[in-house]
Every structure is written in C-alpha cells, then in structure tokens.
C-alpha cells in the first residue's frame, strides 16, 4: 500500500517537474525575444554591443533560466 502511494506521488512529481521545465523554456524564449528586441533597438554600431543596456540582462537572464531548468532536469533524473 505504501509503495503504491509513493509511486503515485513520484509520478505526480515527475509530471509537475516536466511541466515546470517546459514552462521555463517558454518563459526563456519569450524573455530572450523581448530583450533581444530591446537589444536591437538600443544597439548603436558606433558604441558596440557590450555597451547596449539590454546585453547583460539578456545574458544573465538566459544563464539563470538555463540553470533552473538544469536543476529540475536533475531532479527528474533522481526520481
């Protein structure tokens, strides 16, 4: 009886984590698109890419979302 309950909880947790990873991917694509547009709008060929105000938020936001998705993927593998 206990193992059936644990298996049901494990399956529910796996489904939730899969949803979270897919949702984070979607949020990452939308976030990257929005900041990419901001980067293109603020980009000046004379100033350079690194001086654009949207470059570092785009970079760090993308890395943050990748780290969260990687963490939850590891959690799914542990189950």
N, C-alpha and C. Protein backbone atom coordinates (compact mmCIF):
# COMPACT_ATOMS: atom_id res chain seq x y z
N UNK A 1 0.82 -1.19 0.00
CA UNK A 1 0.00 0.00 0.00
C UNK A 1 0.87 1.25 0.00
N UNK A 2 1.90 1.23 0.83
CA UNK A 2 2.77 2.40 0.92
C UNK A 2 3.51 2.64 -0.39
N UNK A 3 3.98 1.60 -1.04
CA UNK A 3 4.72 1.78 -2.28
C UNK A 3 3.81 2.30 -3.40
N UNK A 4 2.53 1.92 -3.38
CA UNK A 4 1.60 2.43 -4.38
C UNK A 4 1.40 3.93 -4.21
N UNK A 5 1.33 4.38 -2.97
CA UNK A 5 1.18 5.82 -2.69
C UNK A 5 2.46 6.55 -3.10
N UNK A 6 3.61 5.98 -2.79
CA UNK A 6 4.88 6.60 -3.16
C UNK A 6 5.04 6.67 -4.67
N UNK A 7 4.65 5.61 -5.37
CA UNK A 7 4.73 5.62 -6.83
C UNK A 7 3.81 6.67 -7.43
N UNK A 8 2.62 6.83 -6.86
CA UNK A 8 1.69 7.84 -7.35
C UNK A 8 2.25 9.24 -7.12
N UNK A 9 2.84 9.47 -5.94
CA UNK A 9 3.44 10.78 -5.64
C UNK A 9 4.63 11.03 -6.57
N UNK A 10 5.45 10.02 -6.80
CA UNK A 10 6.61 10.14 -7.66
C UNK A 10 6.17 10.48 -9.09
N UNK A 11 5.14 9.81 -9.57
CA UNK A 11 4.64 10.08 -10.92
C UNK A 11 4.08 11.49 -11.02
N UNK A 12 3.36 11.92 -9.99
CA UNK A 12 2.80 13.27 -9.97
C UNK A 12 3.92 14.31 -9.94
N UNK A 13 4.95 14.06 -9.16
CA UNK A 13 6.08 14.98 -9.08
C UNK A 13 6.82 15.05 -10.41
N UNK A 14 7.01 13.92 -11.07
CA UNK A 14 7.67 13.91 -12.37
C UNK A 14 6.88 14.73 -13.38
N UNK A 15 5.56 14.57 -13.39
CA UNK A 15 4.73 15.33 -14.32
C UNK A 15 4.80 16.82 -14.03
N UNK A 16 4.81 17.18 -12.75
CA UNK A 16 4.91 18.59 -12.37
C UNK A 16 6.26 19.16 -12.80
N UNK A 17 7.33 18.41 -12.56
CA UNK A 17 8.65 18.91 -12.93
C UNK A 17 8.81 19.03 -14.45
N UNK A 18 8.23 18.10 -15.18
CA UNK A 18 8.28 18.21 -16.64
C UNK A 18 7.55 19.46 -17.10
N UNK A 19 6.40 19.75 -16.49
CA UNK A 19 5.66 20.96 -16.82
C UNK A 19 6.49 22.21 -16.51
N UNK A 20 7.17 22.20 -15.35
CA UNK A 20 7.99 23.34 -14.95
C UNK A 20 9.12 23.56 -15.96
N UNK A 21 9.77 22.50 -16.40
CA UNK A 21 10.87 22.63 -17.36
C UNK A 21 10.34 23.18 -18.69
N UNK A 22 9.19 22.70 -19.14
CA UNK A 22 8.62 23.21 -20.38
C UNK A 22 8.20 24.67 -20.22
N UNK A 23 7.60 25.01 -19.07
CA UNK A 23 7.19 26.38 -18.82
C UNK A 23 8.40 27.31 -18.76
N UNK A 24 9.49 26.85 -18.13
CA UNK A 24 10.69 27.69 -18.06
C UNK A 24 11.30 27.89 -19.45
N UNK A 25 11.22 26.88 -20.29
CA UNK A 25 11.71 27.03 -21.65
C UNK A 25 10.89 28.08 -22.40
N UNK A 26 9.58 28.03 -22.24
CA UNK A 26 8.71 29.00 -22.88
C UNK A 26 8.99 30.41 -22.36
N UNK A 27 9.12 30.55 -21.04
CA UNK A 27 9.43 31.85 -20.46
C UNK A 27 10.79 32.34 -20.96
N UNK A 28 11.75 31.44 -21.06
CA UNK A 28 13.07 31.81 -21.56
C UNK A 28 13.04 32.31 -23.00
N UNK A 29 12.25 31.66 -23.83
CA UNK A 29 12.13 32.10 -25.23
C UNK A 29 11.47 33.47 -25.29
N UNK A 30 10.40 33.67 -24.53
CA UNK A 30 9.72 34.96 -24.53
C UNK A 30 10.61 36.06 -23.95
N UNK A 31 11.30 35.75 -22.87
CA UNK A 31 12.22 36.69 -22.24
C UNK A 31 13.35 37.06 -23.19
N UNK A 32 13.92 36.06 -23.83
CA UNK A 32 15.01 36.31 -24.77
C UNK A 32 14.56 37.11 -25.98
N UNK A 33 13.35 36.84 -26.46
CA UNK A 33 12.83 37.61 -27.59
C UNK A 33 12.62 39.06 -27.21
N UNK A 34 12.02 39.29 -26.06
CA UNK A 34 11.76 40.67 -25.62
C UNK A 34 13.07 41.44 -25.42
N UNK A 35 14.03 40.82 -24.75
CA UNK A 35 15.29 41.51 -24.54
C UNK A 35 16.12 41.60 -25.81
N UNK A 36 15.94 40.63 -26.70
CA UNK A 36 16.62 40.72 -27.99
C UNK A 36 16.13 41.89 -28.81
N UNK A 37 14.84 42.14 -28.76
CA UNK A 37 14.28 43.31 -29.44
C UNK A 37 14.80 44.59 -28.80
N UNK A 38 14.85 44.60 -27.46
CA UNK A 38 15.39 45.77 -26.77
C UNK A 38 16.86 45.97 -27.10
N UNK A 39 17.59 44.88 -27.21
CA UNK A 39 19.00 44.96 -27.56
C UNK A 39 19.18 45.52 -28.96
N UNK A 40 18.36 45.04 -29.90
CA UNK A 40 18.46 45.53 -31.27
C UNK A 40 18.05 46.99 -31.36
N UNK A 41 17.05 47.39 -30.57
CA UNK A 41 16.59 48.78 -30.62
C UNK A 41 17.61 49.73 -30.00
N UNK A 42 18.35 49.25 -29.01
CA UNK A 42 19.30 50.12 -28.32
C UNK A 42 20.72 49.98 -28.88
N UNK A 43 20.89 49.13 -29.86
CA UNK A 43 22.23 48.88 -30.39
C UNK A 43 22.67 50.00 -31.31
N UNK A 44 23.83 50.49 -31.07
CA UNK A 44 24.44 51.51 -31.93
C UNK A 44 25.75 50.94 -32.45
N UNK A 45 25.94 51.01 -33.75
CA UNK A 45 27.16 50.43 -34.33
C UNK A 45 28.41 51.16 -33.86
N UNK A 46 28.26 52.40 -33.47
CA UNK A 46 29.42 53.15 -33.00
C UNK A 46 29.79 52.80 -31.56
N UNK A 47 28.78 52.49 -30.73
CA UNK A 47 29.04 52.22 -29.32
C UNK A 47 29.52 50.79 -29.08
N UNK A 48 29.02 49.84 -29.84
CA UNK A 48 29.40 48.45 -29.64
C UNK A 48 28.34 47.68 -28.87
N UNK A 49 28.35 46.37 -29.03
CA UNK A 49 27.34 45.51 -28.45
C UNK A 49 27.39 45.50 -26.93
N UNK A 50 28.57 45.47 -26.34
CA UNK A 50 28.70 45.38 -24.89
C UNK A 50 28.20 46.62 -24.16
N UNK A 51 28.08 47.75 -24.85
CA UNK A 51 27.60 48.97 -24.22
C UNK A 51 26.09 49.13 -24.33
N UNK A 52 25.44 48.19 -24.97
CA UNK A 52 23.98 48.23 -25.05
C UNK A 52 23.39 47.92 -23.67
N UNK A 53 22.37 48.66 -23.23
CA UNK A 53 21.83 48.43 -21.89
C UNK A 53 21.10 47.09 -21.73
N UNK A 54 20.73 46.43 -22.80
CA UNK A 54 19.99 45.17 -22.69
C UNK A 54 20.90 43.95 -22.81
N UNK A 55 22.18 44.12 -23.06
CA UNK A 55 23.06 42.97 -23.29
C UNK A 55 23.23 42.11 -22.05
N UNK A 56 23.60 42.71 -20.93
CA UNK A 56 23.87 41.92 -19.73
C UNK A 56 22.61 41.32 -19.11
N UNK A 57 21.47 42.03 -19.07
CA UNK A 57 20.25 41.34 -18.60
C UNK A 57 19.88 40.14 -19.47
N UNK A 58 20.08 40.26 -20.77
CA UNK A 58 19.80 39.14 -21.67
C UNK A 58 20.73 37.96 -21.36
N UNK A 59 21.98 38.23 -21.18
CA UNK A 59 22.97 37.20 -20.90
C UNK A 59 22.71 36.53 -19.55
N UNK A 60 22.57 37.32 -18.49
CA UNK A 60 22.38 36.75 -17.15
C UNK A 60 21.01 36.10 -16.99
N UNK A 61 19.99 36.68 -17.59
CA UNK A 61 18.66 36.06 -17.53
C UNK A 61 18.63 34.72 -18.22
N UNK A 62 19.28 34.62 -19.36
CA UNK A 62 19.35 33.34 -20.07
C UNK A 62 20.10 32.29 -19.28
N UNK A 63 21.23 32.69 -18.70
CA UNK A 63 22.01 31.75 -17.88
C UNK A 63 21.24 31.31 -16.64
N UNK A 64 20.49 32.22 -16.04
CA UNK A 64 19.69 31.89 -14.86
C UNK A 64 18.60 30.88 -15.20
N UNK A 65 17.91 31.09 -16.32
CA UNK A 65 16.85 30.16 -16.72
C UNK A 65 17.43 28.79 -17.10
N UNK A 66 18.59 28.78 -17.73
CA UNK A 66 19.24 27.50 -18.05
C UNK A 66 19.61 26.76 -16.77
N UNK A 67 20.11 27.48 -15.77
CA UNK A 67 20.49 26.85 -14.51
C UNK A 67 19.28 26.26 -13.79
N UNK A 68 18.17 26.97 -13.79
CA UNK A 68 16.96 26.44 -13.14
C UNK A 68 16.45 25.21 -13.88
N UNK A 69 16.42 25.27 -15.21
CA UNK A 69 15.97 24.12 -15.99
C UNK A 69 16.89 22.93 -15.77
N UNK A 70 18.19 23.15 -15.70
CA UNK A 70 19.15 22.07 -15.45
C UNK A 70 18.91 21.45 -14.08
N UNK A 71 18.65 22.28 -13.08
CA UNK A 71 18.39 21.79 -11.72
C UNK A 71 17.16 20.89 -11.70
N UNK A 72 16.08 21.31 -12.34
CA UNK A 72 14.86 20.49 -12.34
C UNK A 72 15.02 19.24 -13.19
N UNK A 73 15.82 19.31 -14.23
CA UNK A 73 16.08 18.11 -15.03
C UNK A 73 16.83 17.08 -14.19
N UNK A 74 17.76 17.52 -13.38
CA UNK A 74 18.47 16.61 -12.47
C UNK A 74 17.52 16.01 -11.44
N UNK A 75 16.56 16.80 -10.97
CA UNK A 75 15.58 16.29 -10.01
C UNK A 75 14.73 15.19 -10.65
N UNK A 76 14.36 15.38 -11.91
CA UNK A 76 13.57 14.36 -12.62
C UNK A 76 14.39 13.08 -12.75
N UNK A 77 15.68 13.21 -13.05
CA UNK A 77 16.52 12.02 -13.20
C UNK A 77 16.70 11.27 -11.87
N UNK A 78 16.65 11.98 -10.76
CA UNK A 78 16.83 11.34 -9.46
C UNK A 78 15.62 10.53 -9.03
N UNK A 79 14.48 10.83 -9.61
CA UNK A 79 13.25 10.13 -9.18
C UNK A 79 13.17 8.74 -9.74
